[in-house]
């Protein structure tokens, strides 16, 4: 059973990871214009994004 405090912490962490993935995607788009994005979910240990770079 997960405590409410721990559940809240996990929700905040997931939100932060989700936001960080968007910041990273924007940075990649800035450096490599024309980049196509795949999926990029928050996962248990962080986040990831699939990119198709134009070069």
C-alpha atoms as a PDB file:
ATOM      1  CA  UNK A   1       0.000   0.000   0.000  1.00  0.00           C
ATOM      2  CA  UNK A   2       1.279   3.453  -0.939  1.00  0.00           C
ATOM      3  CA  UNK A   3       0.851   6.311   1.504  1.00  0.00           C
ATOM      4  CA  UNK A   4      -0.833   9.507   0.323  1.00  0.00           C
ATOM      5  CA  UNK A   5       2.381  11.464   0.900  1.00  0.00           C
ATOM      6  CA  UNK A   6       4.404   9.000  -1.162  1.00  0.00           C
ATOM      7  CA  UNK A   7       1.762   8.979  -3.892  1.00  0.00           C
ATOM      8  CA  UNK A   8       1.873  12.781  -4.039  1.00  0.00           C
ATOM      9  CA  UNK A   9       5.673  12.679  -4.276  1.00  0.00           C
ATOM     10  CA  UNK A  10       5.469  10.221  -7.177  1.00  0.00           C
ATOM     11  CA  UNK A  11       2.935  12.424  -8.961  1.00  0.00           C
ATOM     12  CA  UNK A  12       5.184  15.474  -8.603  1.00  0.00           C
ATOM     13  CA  UNK A  13       8.182  13.507  -9.849  1.00  0.00           C
ATOM     14  CA  UNK A  14       6.248  12.289 -12.886  1.00  0.00           C
ATOM     15  CA  UNK A  15       5.165  15.862 -13.646  1.00  0.00           C
ATOM     16  CA  UNK A  16       8.758  17.069 -13.400  1.00  0.00           C
ATOM     17  CA  UNK A  17       9.983  14.289 -15.691  1.00  0.00           C
ATOM     18  CA  UNK A  18       7.231  15.048 -18.191  1.00  0.00           C
ATOM     19  CA  UNK A  19       8.158  18.738 -18.199  1.00  0.00           C
ATOM     20  CA  UNK A  20      11.865  17.939 -18.528  1.00  0.00           C
ATOM     21  CA  UNK A  21      11.183  15.794 -21.584  1.00  0.00           C
ATOM     22  CA  UNK A  22       9.443  18.750 -23.252  1.00  0.00           C
ATOM     23  CA  UNK A  23      12.339  21.072 -22.415  1.00  0.00           C
ATOM     24  CA  UNK A  24      14.775  18.566 -23.913  1.00  0.00           C
ATOM     25  CA  UNK A  25      12.635  18.195 -27.044  1.00  0.00           C
ATOM     26  CA  UNK A  26      12.530  21.953 -27.505  1.00  0.00           C
ATOM     27  CA  UNK A  27      16.310  22.168 -27.113  1.00  0.00           C
ATOM     28  CA  UNK A  28      16.855  19.419 -29.691  1.00  0.00           C
ATOM     29  CA  UNK A  29      14.448  21.171 -32.074  1.00  0.00           C
ATOM     30  CA  UNK A  30      16.392  24.401 -31.598  1.00  0.00           C
ATOM     31  CA  UNK A  31      19.743  22.756 -32.348  1.00  0.00           C
ATOM     32  CA  UNK A  32      18.423  20.497 -35.131  1.00  0.00           C
ATOM     33  CA  UNK A  33      15.557  22.281 -36.934  1.00  0.00           C
ATOM     34  CA  UNK A  34      13.286  19.867 -38.732  1.00  0.00           C
ATOM     35  CA  UNK A  35      13.640  17.146 -36.125  1.00  0.00           C
ATOM     36  CA  UNK A  36      10.654  14.823 -36.003  1.00  0.00           C
ATOM     37  CA  UNK A  37       9.493  13.601 -32.628  1.00  0.00           C
ATOM     38  CA  UNK A  38       8.363  10.146 -31.688  1.00  0.00           C
ATOM     39  CA  UNK A  39       7.101   9.160 -28.306  1.00  0.00           C
ATOM     40  CA  UNK A  40       8.634  10.597 -25.170  1.00  0.00           C
ATOM     41  CA  UNK A  41       6.971   9.473 -21.995  1.00  0.00           C
ATOM     42  CA  UNK A  42       8.073   9.787 -18.427  1.00  0.00           C
ATOM     43  CA  UNK A  43       9.153   6.381 -17.161  1.00  0.00           C
ATOM     44  CA  UNK A  44       9.996   4.975 -13.750  1.00  0.00           C
ATOM     45  CA  UNK A  45      13.644   6.050 -13.853  1.00  0.00           C
ATOM     46  CA  UNK A  46      13.362   9.287 -15.826  1.00  0.00           C
ATOM     47  CA  UNK A  47      12.144   9.914 -19.358  1.00  0.00           C
ATOM     48  CA  UNK A  48      13.096   9.414 -22.975  1.00  0.00           C
ATOM     49  CA  UNK A  49      12.235  10.742 -26.387  1.00  0.00           C
ATOM     50  CA  UNK A  50      12.588   9.213 -29.829  1.00  0.00           C
ATOM     51  CA  UNK A  51      13.940  11.669 -32.404  1.00  0.00           C
ATOM     52  CA  UNK A  52      14.337  11.473 -36.159  1.00  0.00           C
ATOM     53  CA  UNK A  53      17.056  13.998 -36.945  1.00  0.00           C
ATOM     54  CA  UNK A  54      17.056  15.643 -40.384  1.00  0.00           C
ATOM     55  CA  UNK A  55      20.627  14.640 -41.138  1.00  0.00           C
END
